[in-house]
């Protein structure tokens, strides 16, 4: 049971770190173009006919 003294704060710290990382990504505009990636898959960028 003594291991919970270490595991609970570590779990809370990692959870808060993940939350802050997600909030940072939202504020920096990482999720601003959600349709762009879906449309880029459909575009044909192979000009010379050879796949990259």
PDB file of N, CA and C in Angstrom:
ATOM      1  N   UNK A   1       0.808  -1.201   0.000  1.00  0.00           N
ATOM      2  CA  UNK A   1       0.000   0.000   0.000  1.00  0.00           C
ATOM      3  C   UNK A   1       0.848   1.260   0.000  1.00  0.00           C
ATOM      4  N   UNK A   2       2.096   1.129   0.417  1.00  0.00           N
ATOM      5  CA  UNK A   2       2.953   2.307   0.438  1.00  0.00           C
ATOM      6  C   UNK A   2       3.308   2.781  -0.966  1.00  0.00           C
ATOM      7  N   UNK A   3       3.176   1.904  -1.955  1.00  0.00           N
ATOM      8  CA  UNK A   3       3.509   2.291  -3.311  1.00  0.00           C
ATOM      9  C   UNK A   3       2.488   3.296  -3.855  1.00  0.00           C
ATOM     10  N   UNK A   4       1.284   3.315  -3.295  1.00  0.00           N
ATOM     11  CA  UNK A   4       0.274   4.280  -3.717  1.00  0.00           C
ATOM     12  C   UNK A   4       0.689   5.710  -3.415  1.00  0.00           C
ATOM     13  N   UNK A   5       1.532   5.879  -2.423  1.00  0.00           N
ATOM     14  CA  UNK A   5       2.027   7.212  -2.085  1.00  0.00           C
ATOM     15  C   UNK A   5       2.818   7.791  -3.256  1.00  0.00           C
ATOM     16  N   UNK A   6       3.438   6.945  -4.050  1.00  0.00           N
ATOM     17  CA  UNK A   6       4.219   7.390  -5.199  1.00  0.00           C
ATOM     18  C   UNK A   6       3.395   7.369  -6.485  1.00  0.00           C
ATOM     19  N   UNK A   7       2.540   6.369  -6.630  1.00  0.00           N
ATOM     20  CA  UNK A   7       1.828   6.196  -7.891  1.00  0.00           C
ATOM     21  C   UNK A   7       0.718   7.214  -8.112  1.00  0.00           C
ATOM     22  N   UNK A   8      -0.003   7.581  -7.069  1.00  0.00           N
ATOM     23  CA  UNK A   8      -1.106   8.524  -7.221  1.00  0.00           C
ATOM     24  C   UNK A   8      -0.600   9.906  -7.635  1.00  0.00           C
ATOM     25  N   UNK A   9       0.404  10.482  -6.993  1.00  0.00           N
ATOM     26  CA  UNK A   9       0.899  11.777  -7.466  1.00  0.00           C
ATOM     27  C   UNK A   9       1.519  11.709  -8.875  1.00  0.00           C
ATOM     28  N   UNK A  10       2.172  10.589  -9.193  1.00  0.00           N
ATOM     29  CA  UNK A  10       2.730  10.464 -10.538  1.00  0.00           C
ATOM     30  C   UNK A  10       1.623  10.399 -11.582  1.00  0.00           C
ATOM     31  N   UNK A  11       0.548   9.684 -11.308  1.00  0.00           N
ATOM     32  CA  UNK A  11      -0.573   9.591 -12.236  1.00  0.00           C
ATOM     33  C   UNK A  11      -1.246  10.952 -12.404  1.00  0.00           C
ATOM     34  N   UNK A  12      -1.420  11.670 -11.318  1.00  0.00           N
ATOM     35  CA  UNK A  12      -2.005  13.007 -11.401  1.00  0.00           C
ATOM     36  C   UNK A  12      -1.094  13.958 -12.169  1.00  0.00           C
ATOM     37  N   UNK A  13       0.189  13.867 -11.938  1.00  0.00           N
ATOM     38  CA  UNK A  13       1.128  14.721 -12.652  1.00  0.00           C
ATOM     39  C   UNK A  13       1.151  14.442 -14.146  1.00  0.00           C
ATOM     40  N   UNK A  14       1.139  13.168 -14.510  1.00  0.00           N
ATOM     41  CA  UNK A  14       1.118  12.829 -15.936  1.00  0.00           C
ATOM     42  C   UNK A  14      -0.198  13.241 -16.588  1.00  0.00           C
ATOM     43  N   UNK A  15      -1.289  13.112 -15.853  1.00  0.00           N
ATOM     44  CA  UNK A  15      -2.581  13.561 -16.378  1.00  0.00           C
ATOM     45  C   UNK A  15      -2.607  15.062 -16.602  1.00  0.00           C
ATOM     46  N   UNK A  16      -2.076  15.814 -15.657  1.00  0.00           N
ATOM     47  CA  UNK A  16      -2.015  17.267 -15.816  1.00  0.00           C
ATOM     48  C   UNK A  16      -1.065  17.662 -16.943  1.00  0.00           C
ATOM     49  N   UNK A  17       0.031  16.935 -17.085  1.00  0.00           N
ATOM     50  CA  UNK A  17       0.957  17.208 -18.186  1.00  0.00           C
ATOM     51  C   UNK A  17       0.277  16.977 -19.537  1.00  0.00           C
ATOM     52  N   UNK A  18      -0.487  15.906 -19.649  1.00  0.00           N
ATOM     53  CA  UNK A  18      -1.228  15.643 -20.878  1.00  0.00           C
ATOM     54  C   UNK A  18      -2.289  16.698 -21.143  1.00  0.00           C
ATOM     55  N   UNK A  19      -2.968  17.141 -20.100  1.00  0.00           N
ATOM     56  CA  UNK A  19      -3.976  18.193 -20.245  1.00  0.00           C
ATOM     57  C   UNK A  19      -3.348  19.497 -20.701  1.00  0.00           C
ATOM     58  N   UNK A  20      -2.227  19.871 -20.105  1.00  0.00           N
ATOM     59  CA  UNK A  20      -1.556  21.100 -20.513  1.00  0.00           C
ATOM     60  C   UNK A  20      -1.023  20.997 -21.946  1.00  0.00           C
ATOM     61  N   UNK A  21      -0.551  19.822 -22.326  1.00  0.00           N
ATOM     62  CA  UNK A  21      -0.107  19.630 -23.702  1.00  0.00           C
ATOM     63  C   UNK A  21      -1.247  19.763 -24.690  1.00  0.00           C
ATOM     64  N   UNK A  22      -2.412  19.216 -24.350  1.00  0.00           N
ATOM     65  CA  UNK A  22      -3.573  19.337 -25.210  1.00  0.00           C
ATOM     66  C   UNK A  22      -4.030  20.787 -25.312  1.00  0.00           C
ATOM     67  N   UNK A  23      -4.074  21.492 -24.200  1.00  0.00           N
ATOM     68  CA  UNK A  23      -4.479  22.897 -24.226  1.00  0.00           C
ATOM     69  C   UNK A  23      -3.491  23.740 -25.018  1.00  0.00           C
ATOM     70  N   UNK A  24      -2.204  23.437 -24.915  1.00  0.00           N
ATOM     71  CA  UNK A  24      -1.206  24.150 -25.703  1.00  0.00           C
ATOM     72  C   UNK A  24      -1.427  23.910 -27.192  1.00  0.00           C
ATOM     73  N   UNK A  25      -1.740  22.671 -27.561  1.00  0.00           N
ATOM     74  CA  UNK A  25      -1.984  22.355 -28.970  1.00  0.00           C
ATOM     75  C   UNK A  25      -3.215  23.083 -29.480  1.00  0.00           C
ATOM     76  N   UNK A  26      -4.236  23.208 -28.658  1.00  0.00           N
ATOM     77  CA  UNK A  26      -5.426  23.954 -29.067  1.00  0.00           C
ATOM     78  C   UNK A  26      -5.102  25.423 -29.294  1.00  0.00           C
ATOM     79  N   UNK A  27      -4.350  26.001 -28.384  1.00  0.00           N
ATOM     80  CA  UNK A  27      -4.034  27.437 -28.497  1.00  0.00           C
ATOM     81  C   UNK A  27      -3.065  27.745 -29.622  1.00  0.00           C
ATOM     82  N   UNK A  28      -2.216  26.792 -29.973  1.00  0.00           N
ATOM     83  CA  UNK A  28      -1.237  27.061 -31.030  1.00  0.00           C
ATOM     84  C   UNK A  28      -1.787  26.761 -32.419  1.00  0.00           C
ATOM     85  N   UNK A  29      -3.034  26.293 -32.513  1.00  0.00           N
ATOM     86  CA  UNK A  29      -3.663  26.098 -33.801  1.00  0.00           C
ATOM     87  C   UNK A  29      -3.395  24.754 -34.444  1.00  0.00           C
ATOM     88  N   UNK A  30      -3.065  23.754 -33.684  1.00  0.00           N
ATOM     89  CA  UNK A  30      -2.794  22.433 -34.241  1.00  0.00           C
ATOM     90  C   UNK A  30      -4.048  21.790 -34.818  1.00  0.00           C
ATOM     91  N   UNK A  31      -5.217  22.157 -34.311  1.00  0.00           N
ATOM     92  CA  UNK A  31      -6.456  21.543 -34.739  1.00  0.00           C
ATOM     93  C   UNK A  31      -7.306  22.498 -35.573  1.00  0.00           C
ATOM     94  N   UNK A  32      -6.719  23.536 -36.150  1.00  0.00           N
ATOM     95  CA  UNK A  32      -7.508  24.533 -36.858  1.00  0.00           C
ATOM     96  C   UNK A  32      -7.957  24.056 -38.230  1.00  0.00           C
ATOM     97  N   UNK A  33      -7.224  23.157 -38.888  1.00  0.00           N
ATOM     98  CA  UNK A  33      -7.561  22.700 -40.226  1.00  0.00           C
ATOM     99  C   UNK A  33      -7.857  21.205 -40.195  1.00  0.00           C
ATOM    100  N   UNK A  34      -9.073  20.853 -39.761  1.00  0.00           N
ATOM    101  CA  UNK A  34      -9.402  19.446 -39.621  1.00  0.00           C
ATOM    102  C   UNK A  34      -9.786  18.811 -40.949  1.00  0.00           C
ATOM    103  N   UNK A  35     -10.248  19.584 -41.915  1.00  0.00           N
ATOM    104  CA  UNK A  35     -10.649  19.036 -43.213  1.00  0.00           C
ATOM    105  C   UNK A  35      -9.493  18.995 -44.202  1.00  0.00           C
ATOM    106  N   UNK A  36      -8.437  19.725 -43.947  1.00  0.00           N
ATOM    107  CA  UNK A  36      -7.321  19.785 -44.888  1.00  0.00           C
ATOM    108  C   UNK A  36      -6.623  18.452 -45.080  1.00  0.00           C
ATOM    109  N   UNK A  37      -6.411  17.722 -44.008  1.00  0.00           N
ATOM    110  CA  UNK A  37      -5.722  16.436 -44.115  1.00  0.00           C
ATOM    111  C   UNK A  37      -6.570  15.427 -44.879  1.00  0.00           C
ATOM    112  N   UNK A  38      -7.876  15.471 -44.685  1.00  0.00           N
ATOM    113  CA  UNK A  38      -8.750  14.546 -45.395  1.00  0.00           C
ATOM    114  C   UNK A  38      -8.776  14.848 -46.887  1.00  0.00           C
ATOM    115  N   UNK A  39      -8.647  16.099 -47.255  1.00  0.00           N
ATOM    116  CA  UNK A  39      -8.658  16.466 -48.670  1.00  0.00           C
ATOM    117  C   UNK A  39      -7.299  16.253 -49.317  1.00  0.00           C
ATOM    118  N   UNK A  40      -6.223  16.390 -48.567  1.00  0.00           N
ATOM    119  CA  UNK A  40      -4.886  16.183 -49.127  1.00  0.00           C
ATOM    120  C   UNK A  40      -4.637  14.737 -49.505  1.00  0.00           C
ATOM    121  N   UNK A  41      -5.341  13.818 -48.861  1.00  0.00           N
ATOM    122  CA  UNK A  41      -5.195  12.402 -49.205  1.00  0.00           C
ATOM    123  C   UNK A  41      -5.692  12.155 -50.626  1.00  0.00           C
ATOM    124  N   UNK A  42      -6.706  12.880 -51.016  1.00  0.00           N
ATOM    125  CA  UNK A  42      -7.316  12.668 -52.318  1.00  0.00           C
ATOM    126  C   UNK A  42      -6.550  13.351 -53.457  1.00  0.00           C
ATOM    127  N   UNK A  43      -5.688  14.308 -53.156  1.00  0.00           N
ATOM    128  CA  UNK A  43      -4.960  15.025 -54.193  1.00  0.00           C
ATOM    129  C   UNK A  43      -3.855  14.161 -54.767  1.00  0.00           C
ATOM    130  N   UNK A  44      -3.642  14.280 -56.067  1.00  0.00           N
ATOM    131  CA  UNK A  44      -2.607  13.512 -56.749  1.00  0.00           C
ATOM    132  C   UNK A  44      -1.394  14.415 -56.931  1.00  0.00           C
ATOM    133  N   UNK A  45      -0.373  14.232 -56.100  1.00  0.00           N
ATOM    134  CA  UNK A  45       0.825  15.041 -56.159  1.00  0.00           C
ATOM    135  C   UNK A  45       1.926  14.417 -57.005  1.00  0.00           C
ATOM    136  N   UNK A  46       1.706  13.215 -57.533  1.00  0.00           N
ATOM    137  CA  UNK A  46       2.722  12.541 -58.335  1.00  0.00           C
ATOM    138  C   UNK A  46       2.700  13.102 -59.750  1.00  0.00           C
ATOM    139  N   UNK A  47       3.629  14.009 -60.039  1.00  0.00           N
ATOM    140  CA  UNK A  47       3.670  14.650 -61.353  1.00  0.00           C
ATOM    141  C   UNK A  47       4.350  13.727 -62.347  1.00  0.00           C
ATOM    142  N   UNK A  48       5.407  13.063 -61.953  1.00  0.00           N
ATOM    143  CA  UNK A  48       6.163  12.227 -62.881  1.00  0.00           C
ATOM    144  C   UNK A  48       5.664  10.783 -62.902  1.00  0.00           C
ATOM    145  N   UNK A  49       4.647  10.445 -62.128  1.00  0.00           N
ATOM    146  CA  UNK A  49       4.059   9.123 -62.173  1.00  0.00           C
ATOM    147  C   UNK A  49       4.685   8.107 -61.247  1.00  0.00           C
ATOM    148  N   UNK A  50       5.732   8.478 -60.530  1.00  0.00           N
ATOM    149  CA  UNK A  50       6.371   7.552 -59.605  1.00  0.00           C
ATOM    150  C   UNK A  50       5.942   7.880 -58.186  1.00  0.00           C
ATOM    151  N   UNK A  51       5.521   6.874 -57.445  1.00  0.00           N
ATOM    152  CA  UNK A  51       5.124   7.140 -56.057  1.00  0.00           C
ATOM    153  C   UNK A  51       6.336   7.515 -55.207  1.00  0.00           C
ATOM    154  N   UNK A  52       6.069   8.314 -54.224  1.00  0.00           N
ATOM    155  CA  UNK A  52       7.159   8.736 -53.332  1.00  0.00           C
ATOM    156  C   UNK A  52       7.298   7.811 -52.160  1.00  0.00           C
TER     157      UNK A  52
END
